[in-house]
Amino acid sequence: MKKKDIYVKFEIGEMVFCKTDPEQYERQVTGMLLRESRLIYKVTFNSVEDSFYGFELTSDEDILKRLR
């Protein structure tokens, strides 16, 4: 078995934004799921849990997207 290191970009409980969300709703990281060599983040907004890869999330709000 080959050992691999997984980089955790966001911690459980951290507030994040989806880069492609035009409304820029703040979501909370509620879990993580490890699939092969990919880490999938479980994030919750308004009692709905969605799954995202780390590159789809950011800790910084994109205010310009919300203003459009």
PDB file of N, CA and C in Angstrom:
ATOM      1  N   MET A   1       0.848  -1.174   0.000  1.00  0.00           N
ATOM      2  CA  MET A   1       0.000   0.000   0.000  1.00  0.00           C
ATOM      3  C   MET A   1       0.898   1.242   0.000  1.00  0.00           C
ATOM      4  N   LYS A   2       0.561   2.203  -0.835  1.00  0.00           N
ATOM      5  CA  LYS A   2       1.332   3.433  -0.964  1.00  0.00           C
ATOM      6  C   LYS A   2       0.774   4.504  -0.034  1.00  0.00           C
ATOM      7  N   LYS A   3       1.651   5.175   0.699  1.00  0.00           N
ATOM      8  CA  LYS A   3       1.239   6.229   1.622  1.00  0.00           C
ATOM      9  C   LYS A   3       1.138   7.551   0.863  1.00  0.00           C
ATOM     10  N   LYS A   4       0.040   8.286   1.101  1.00  0.00           N
ATOM     11  CA  LYS A   4      -0.158   9.590   0.483  1.00  0.00           C
ATOM     12  C   LYS A   4      -0.525  10.599   1.549  1.00  0.00           C
ATOM     13  N   ASP A   5      -0.048  11.809   1.386  1.00  0.00           N
ATOM     14  CA  ASP A   5      -0.422  12.897   2.276  1.00  0.00           C
ATOM     15  C   ASP A   5      -1.594  13.655   1.667  1.00  0.00           C
ATOM     16  N   ILE A   6      -2.564  13.982   2.475  1.00  0.00           N
ATOM     17  CA  ILE A   6      -3.733  14.740   2.030  1.00  0.00           C
ATOM     18  C   ILE A   6      -3.678  16.117   2.677  1.00  0.00           C
ATOM     19  N   TYR A   7      -3.759  17.159   1.846  1.00  0.00           N
ATOM     20  CA  TYR A   7      -3.742  18.533   2.329  1.00  0.00           C
ATOM     21  C   TYR A   7      -5.160  18.959   2.676  1.00  0.00           C
ATOM     22  N   VAL A   8      -5.389  19.364   3.913  1.00  0.00           N
ATOM     23  CA  VAL A   8      -6.698  19.824   4.375  1.00  0.00           C
ATOM     24  C   VAL A   8      -6.689  21.348   4.339  1.00  0.00           C
ATOM     25  N   LYS A   9      -7.434  21.916   3.399  1.00  0.00           N
ATOM     26  CA  LYS A   9      -7.456  23.370   3.200  1.00  0.00           C
ATOM     27  C   LYS A   9      -8.383  24.072   4.188  1.00  0.00           C
ATOM     28  N   PHE A  10      -9.498  23.419   4.544  1.00  0.00           N
ATOM     29  CA  PHE A  10     -10.497  24.000   5.439  1.00  0.00           C
ATOM     30  C   PHE A  10     -10.777  23.043   6.587  1.00  0.00           C
ATOM     31  N   GLU A  11     -11.011  23.592   7.759  1.00  0.00           N
ATOM     32  CA  GLU A  11     -11.301  22.795   8.955  1.00  0.00           C
ATOM     33  C   GLU A  11     -12.815  22.701   9.177  1.00  0.00           C
ATOM     34  N   ILE A  12     -13.253  21.662   9.849  1.00  0.00           N
ATOM     35  CA  ILE A  12     -14.662  21.529  10.206  1.00  0.00           C
ATOM     36  C   ILE A  12     -15.046  22.701  11.114  1.00  0.00           C
ATOM     37  N   GLY A  13     -16.171  23.321  10.799  1.00  0.00           N
ATOM     38  CA  GLY A  13     -16.627  24.489  11.541  1.00  0.00           C
ATOM     39  C   GLY A  13     -16.263  25.801  10.869  1.00  0.00           C
ATOM     40  N   GLU A  14     -15.333  25.759   9.931  1.00  0.00           N
ATOM     41  CA  GLU A  14     -14.902  26.980   9.240  1.00  0.00           C
ATOM     42  C   GLU A  14     -15.981  27.462   8.270  1.00  0.00           C
ATOM     43  N   MET A  15     -16.108  28.775   8.128  1.00  0.00           N
ATOM     44  CA  MET A  15     -17.069  29.372   7.205  1.00  0.00           C
ATOM     45  C   MET A  15     -16.383  29.607   5.865  1.00  0.00           C
ATOM     46  N   VAL A  16     -17.046  29.185   4.772  1.00  0.00           N
ATOM     47  CA  VAL A  16     -16.472  29.275   3.431  1.00  0.00           C
ATOM     48  C   VAL A  16     -17.518  29.773   2.437  1.00  0.00           C
ATOM     49  N   PHE A  17     -17.064  30.108   1.245  1.00  0.00           N
ATOM     50  CA  PHE A  17     -17.925  30.537   0.147  1.00  0.00           C
ATOM     51  C   PHE A  17     -17.626  29.672  -1.063  1.00  0.00           C
ATOM     52  N   CYS A  18     -18.651  29.356  -1.838  1.00  0.00           N
ATOM     53  CA  CYS A  18     -18.473  28.639  -3.097  1.00  0.00           C
ATOM     54  C   CYS A  18     -18.083  29.669  -4.156  1.00  0.00           C
ATOM     55  N   LYS A  19     -16.980  29.438  -4.852  1.00  0.00           N
ATOM     56  CA  LYS A  19     -16.473  30.396  -5.834  1.00  0.00           C
ATOM     57  C   LYS A  19     -17.458  30.676  -6.965  1.00  0.00           C
ATOM     58  N   THR A  20     -18.321  29.716  -7.293  1.00  0.00           N
ATOM     59  CA  THR A  20     -19.242  29.888  -8.418  1.00  0.00           C
ATOM     60  C   THR A  20     -20.635  30.349  -8.002  1.00  0.00           C
ATOM     61  N   ASP A  21     -20.855  30.587  -6.720  1.00  0.00           N
ATOM     62  CA  ASP A  21     -22.168  31.021  -6.232  1.00  0.00           C
ATOM     63  C   ASP A  21     -22.329  32.523  -6.449  1.00  0.00           C
ATOM     64  N   PRO A  22     -23.244  32.954  -7.325  1.00  0.00           N
ATOM     65  CA  PRO A  22     -23.408  34.386  -7.581  1.00  0.00           C
ATOM     66  C   PRO A  22     -23.917  35.157  -6.361  1.00  0.00           C
ATOM     67  N   GLU A  23     -24.648  34.502  -5.452  1.00  0.00           N
ATOM     68  CA  GLU A  23     -25.148  35.174  -4.250  1.00  0.00           C
ATOM     69  C   GLU A  23     -24.112  35.214  -3.130  1.00  0.00           C
ATOM     70  N   GLN A  24     -23.061  34.406  -3.243  1.00  0.00           N
ATOM     71  CA  GLN A  24     -21.992  34.343  -2.244  1.00  0.00           C
ATOM     72  C   GLN A  24     -22.515  34.085  -0.836  1.00  0.00           C
ATOM     73  N   TYR A  25     -23.373  33.069  -0.707  1.00  0.00           N
ATOM     74  CA  TYR A  25     -23.866  32.685   0.609  1.00  0.00           C
ATOM     75  C   TYR A  25     -22.735  32.052   1.411  1.00  0.00           C
ATOM     76  N   GLU A  26     -22.672  32.389   2.693  1.00  0.00           N
ATOM     77  CA  GLU A  26     -21.676  31.819   3.587  1.00  0.00           C
ATOM     78  C   GLU A  26     -22.132  30.427   4.009  1.00  0.00           C
ATOM     79  N   ARG A  27     -21.242  29.454   3.900  1.00  0.00           N
ATOM     80  CA  ARG A  27     -21.540  28.070   4.248  1.00  0.00           C
ATOM     81  C   ARG A  27     -20.564  27.611   5.325  1.00  0.00           C
ATOM     82  N   GLN A  28     -20.967  26.588   6.067  1.00  0.00           N
ATOM     83  CA  GLN A  28     -20.099  26.045   7.112  1.00  0.00           C
ATOM     84  C   GLN A  28     -19.634  24.650   6.723  1.00  0.00           C
ATOM     85  N   VAL A  29     -18.338  24.402   6.889  1.00  0.00           N
ATOM     86  CA  VAL A  29     -17.792  23.062   6.652  1.00  0.00           C
ATOM     87  C   VAL A  29     -18.263  22.167   7.788  1.00  0.00           C
ATOM     88  N   THR A  30     -19.000  21.109   7.426  1.00  0.00           N
ATOM     89  CA  THR A  30     -19.565  20.219   8.440  1.00  0.00           C
ATOM     90  C   THR A  30     -18.980  18.810   8.394  1.00  0.00           C
ATOM     91  N   GLY A  31     -18.156  18.534   7.385  1.00  0.00           N
ATOM     92  CA  GLY A  31     -17.542  17.220   7.309  1.00  0.00           C
ATOM     93  C   GLY A  31     -16.594  17.118   6.135  1.00  0.00           C
ATOM     94  N   MET A  32     -15.893  15.976   6.084  1.00  0.00           N
ATOM     95  CA  MET A  32     -14.965  15.699   4.990  1.00  0.00           C
ATOM     96  C   MET A  32     -15.108  14.241   4.604  1.00  0.00           C
ATOM     97  N   LEU A  33     -14.922  13.989   3.329  1.00  0.00           N
ATOM     98  CA  LEU A  33     -15.035  12.634   2.805  1.00  0.00           C
ATOM     99  C   LEU A  33     -13.803  12.357   1.956  1.00  0.00           C
ATOM    100  N   LEU A  34     -13.100  11.291   2.236  1.00  0.00           N
ATOM    101  CA  LEU A  34     -11.894  10.944   1.499  1.00  0.00           C
ATOM    102  C   LEU A  34     -12.229   9.887   0.460  1.00  0.00           C
ATOM    103  N   ARG A  35     -11.982  10.206  -0.804  1.00  0.00           N
ATOM    104  CA  ARG A  35     -12.203   9.287  -1.923  1.00  0.00           C
ATOM    105  C   ARG A  35     -10.898   9.159  -2.694  1.00  0.00           C
ATOM    106  N   GLU A  36     -10.346   7.956  -2.734  1.00  0.00           N
ATOM    107  CA  GLU A  36      -9.037   7.709  -3.346  1.00  0.00           C
ATOM    108  C   GLU A  36      -8.056   8.775  -2.899  1.00  0.00           C
ATOM    109  N   SER A  37      -7.642   9.660  -3.777  1.00  0.00           N
ATOM    110  CA  SER A  37      -6.678  10.699  -3.385  1.00  0.00           C
ATOM    111  C   SER A  37      -7.324  12.073  -3.348  1.00  0.00           C
ATOM    112  N   ARG A  38      -8.644  12.134  -3.305  1.00  0.00           N
ATOM    113  CA  ARG A  38      -9.368  13.411  -3.292  1.00  0.00           C
ATOM    114  C   ARG A  38     -10.099  13.596  -1.969  1.00  0.00           C
ATOM    115  N   LEU A  39     -10.059  14.831  -1.481  1.00  0.00           N
ATOM    116  CA  LEU A  39     -10.795  15.187  -0.273  1.00  0.00           C
ATOM    117  C   LEU A  39     -12.017  15.994  -0.692  1.00  0.00           C
ATOM    118  N   ILE A  40     -13.178  15.548  -0.283  1.00  0.00           N
ATOM    119  CA  ILE A  40     -14.427  16.235  -0.594  1.00  0.00           C
ATOM    120  C   ILE A  40     -14.938  16.860   0.690  1.00  0.00           C
ATOM    121  N   TYR A  41     -15.269  18.154   0.605  1.00  0.00           N
ATOM    122  CA  TYR A  41     -15.777  18.874   1.764  1.00  0.00           C
ATOM    123  C   TYR A  41     -17.295  18.856   1.752  1.00  0.00           C
ATOM    124  N   LYS A  42     -17.881  18.562   2.904  1.00  0.00           N
ATOM    125  CA  LYS A  42     -19.322  18.649   3.099  1.00  0.00           C
ATOM    126  C   LYS A  42     -19.596  19.995   3.736  1.00  0.00           C
ATOM    127  N   VAL A  43     -20.382  20.827   3.058  1.00  0.00           N
ATOM    128  CA  VAL A  43     -20.664  22.165   3.572  1.00  0.00           C
ATOM    129  C   VAL A  43     -22.172  22.364   3.653  1.00  0.00           C
ATOM    130  N   THR A  44     -22.606  23.139   4.648  1.00  0.00           N
ATOM    131  CA  THR A  44     -24.035  23.315   4.913  1.00  0.00           C
ATOM    132  C   THR A  44     -24.415  24.786   4.842  1.00  0.00           C
ATOM    133  N   PHE A  45     -25.542  25.022   4.169  1.00  0.00           N
ATOM    134  CA  PHE A  45     -26.163  26.339   4.137  1.00  0.00           C
ATOM    135  C   PHE A  45     -27.667  26.138   4.242  1.00  0.00           C
ATOM    136  N   ASN A  46     -28.292  26.813   5.193  1.00  0.00           N
ATOM    137  CA  ASN A  46     -29.747  26.770   5.332  1.00  0.00           C
ATOM    138  C   ASN A  46     -30.261  25.323   5.467  1.00  0.00           C
ATOM    139  N   SER A  47     -29.584  24.543   6.284  1.00  0.00           N
ATOM    140  CA  SER A  47     -29.931  23.140   6.574  1.00  0.00           C
ATOM    141  C   SER A  47     -29.782  22.191   5.386  1.00  0.00           C
ATOM    142  N   VAL A  48     -29.116  22.619   4.322  1.00  0.00           N
ATOM    143  CA  VAL A  48     -28.870  21.759   3.165  1.00  0.00           C
ATOM    144  C   VAL A  48     -27.371  21.512   3.054  1.00  0.00           C
ATOM    145  N   GLU A  49     -26.990  20.228   2.993  1.00  0.00           N
ATOM    146  CA  GLU A  49     -25.576  19.870   2.892  1.00  0.00           C
ATOM    147  C   GLU A  49     -25.226  19.547   1.443  1.00  0.00           C
ATOM    148  N   ASP A  50     -24.137  20.149   0.960  1.00  0.00           N
ATOM    149  CA  ASP A  50     -23.636  19.910  -0.391  1.00  0.00           C
ATOM    150  C   ASP A  50     -22.188  19.456  -0.313  1.00  0.00           C
ATOM    151  N   SER A  51     -21.682  18.903  -1.413  1.00  0.00           N
ATOM    152  CA  SER A  51     -20.305  18.420  -1.482  1.00  0.00           C
ATOM    153  C   SER A  51     -19.510  19.252  -2.479  1.00  0.00           C
ATOM    154  N   PHE A  52     -18.285  19.603  -2.096  1.00  0.00           N
ATOM    155  CA  PHE A  52     -17.415  20.399  -2.951  1.00  0.00           C
ATOM    156  C   PHE A  52     -15.976  19.907  -2.825  1.00  0.00           C
ATOM    157  N   TYR A  53     -15.213  20.051  -3.908  1.00  0.00           N
ATOM    158  CA  TYR A  53     -13.771  19.869  -3.843  1.00  0.00           C
ATOM    159  C   TYR A  53     -13.170  21.158  -3.285  1.00  0.00           C
ATOM    160  N   GLY A  54     -11.978  21.089  -2.741  1.00  0.00           N
ATOM    161  CA  GLY A  54     -11.330  22.245  -2.148  1.00  0.00           C
ATOM    162  C   GLY A  54     -11.146  23.415  -3.105  1.00  0.00           C
ATOM    163  N   PHE A  55     -10.887  23.124  -4.388  1.00  0.00           N
ATOM    164  CA  PHE A  55     -10.668  24.209  -5.342  1.00  0.00           C
ATOM    165  C   PHE A  55     -11.948  24.988  -5.659  1.00  0.00           C
ATOM    166  N   GLU A  56     -13.107  24.463  -5.265  1.00  0.00           N
ATOM    167  CA  GLU A  56     -14.380  25.148  -5.497  1.00  0.00           C
ATOM    168  C   GLU A  56     -14.746  26.099  -4.364  1.00  0.00           C
ATOM    169  N   LEU A  57     -13.987  26.054  -3.266  1.00  0.00           N
ATOM    170  CA  LEU A  57     -14.309  26.835  -2.073  1.00  0.00           C
ATOM    171  C   LEU A  57     -13.221  27.865  -1.771  1.00  0.00           C
ATOM    172  N   THR A  58     -13.617  28.904  -1.066  1.00  0.00           N
ATOM    173  CA  THR A  58     -12.685  29.925  -0.607  1.00  0.00           C
ATOM    174  C   THR A  58     -13.163  30.473   0.733  1.00  0.00           C
ATOM    175  N   SER A  59     -12.234  30.985   1.500  1.00  0.00           N
ATOM    176  CA  SER A  59     -12.628  31.603   2.772  1.00  0.00           C
ATOM    177  C   SER A  59     -12.911  33.095   2.598  1.00  0.00           C
ATOM    178  N   ASP A  60     -12.700  33.612   1.386  1.00  0.00           N
ATOM    179  CA  ASP A  60     -12.923  35.034   1.096  1.00  0.00           C
ATOM    180  C   ASP A  60     -14.162  35.224   0.225  1.00  0.00           C
ATOM    181  N   GLU A  61     -15.046  36.105   0.646  1.00  0.00           N
ATOM    182  CA  GLU A  61     -16.249  36.420  -0.121  1.00  0.00           C
ATOM    183  C   GLU A  61     -15.878  37.240  -1.355  1.00  0.00           C
ATOM    184  N   ASP A  62     -16.493  36.913  -2.497  1.00  0.00           N
ATOM    185  CA  ASP A  62     -16.304  37.690  -3.728  1.00  0.00           C
ATOM    186  C   ASP A  62     -17.456  38.686  -3.828  1.00  0.00           C
ATOM    187  N   ILE A  63     -17.256  39.884  -3.318  1.00  0.00           N
ATOM    188  CA  ILE A  63     -18.310  40.888  -3.242  1.00  0.00           C
ATOM    189  C   ILE A  63     -18.800  41.298  -4.636  1.00  0.00           C
ATOM    190  N   LEU A  64     -17.912  41.309  -5.622  1.00  0.00           N
ATOM    191  CA  LEU A  64     -18.304  41.717  -6.979  1.00  0.00           C
ATOM    192  C   LEU A  64     -19.348  40.782  -7.572  1.00  0.00           C
ATOM    193  N   LYS A  65     -19.276  39.491  -7.285  1.00  0.00           N
ATOM    194  CA  LYS A  65     -20.282  38.550  -7.795  1.00  0.00           C
ATOM    195  C   LYS A  65     -21.653  38.848  -7.214  1.00  0.00           C
ATOM    196  N   ARG A  66     -21.690  39.229  -5.948  1.00  0.00           N
ATOM    197  CA  ARG A  66     -22.959  39.506  -5.295  1.00  0.00           C
ATOM    198  C   ARG A  66     -23.586  40.794  -5.800  1.00  0.00           C
ATOM    199  N   LEU A  67     -22.796  41.742  -6.251  1.00  0.00           N
ATOM    200  CA  LEU A  67     -23.310  43.031  -6.717  1.00  0.00           C
ATOM    201  C   LEU A  67     -23.916  42.979  -8.110  1.00  0.00           C
ATOM    202  N   ARG A  68     -23.615  41.946  -8.877  1.00  0.00           N
ATOM    203  CA  ARG A  68     -24.121  41.847 -10.256  1.00  0.00           C
ATOM    204  C   ARG A  68     -25.586  41.558 -10.307  1.00  0.00           C
TER     205      ARG A  68
END
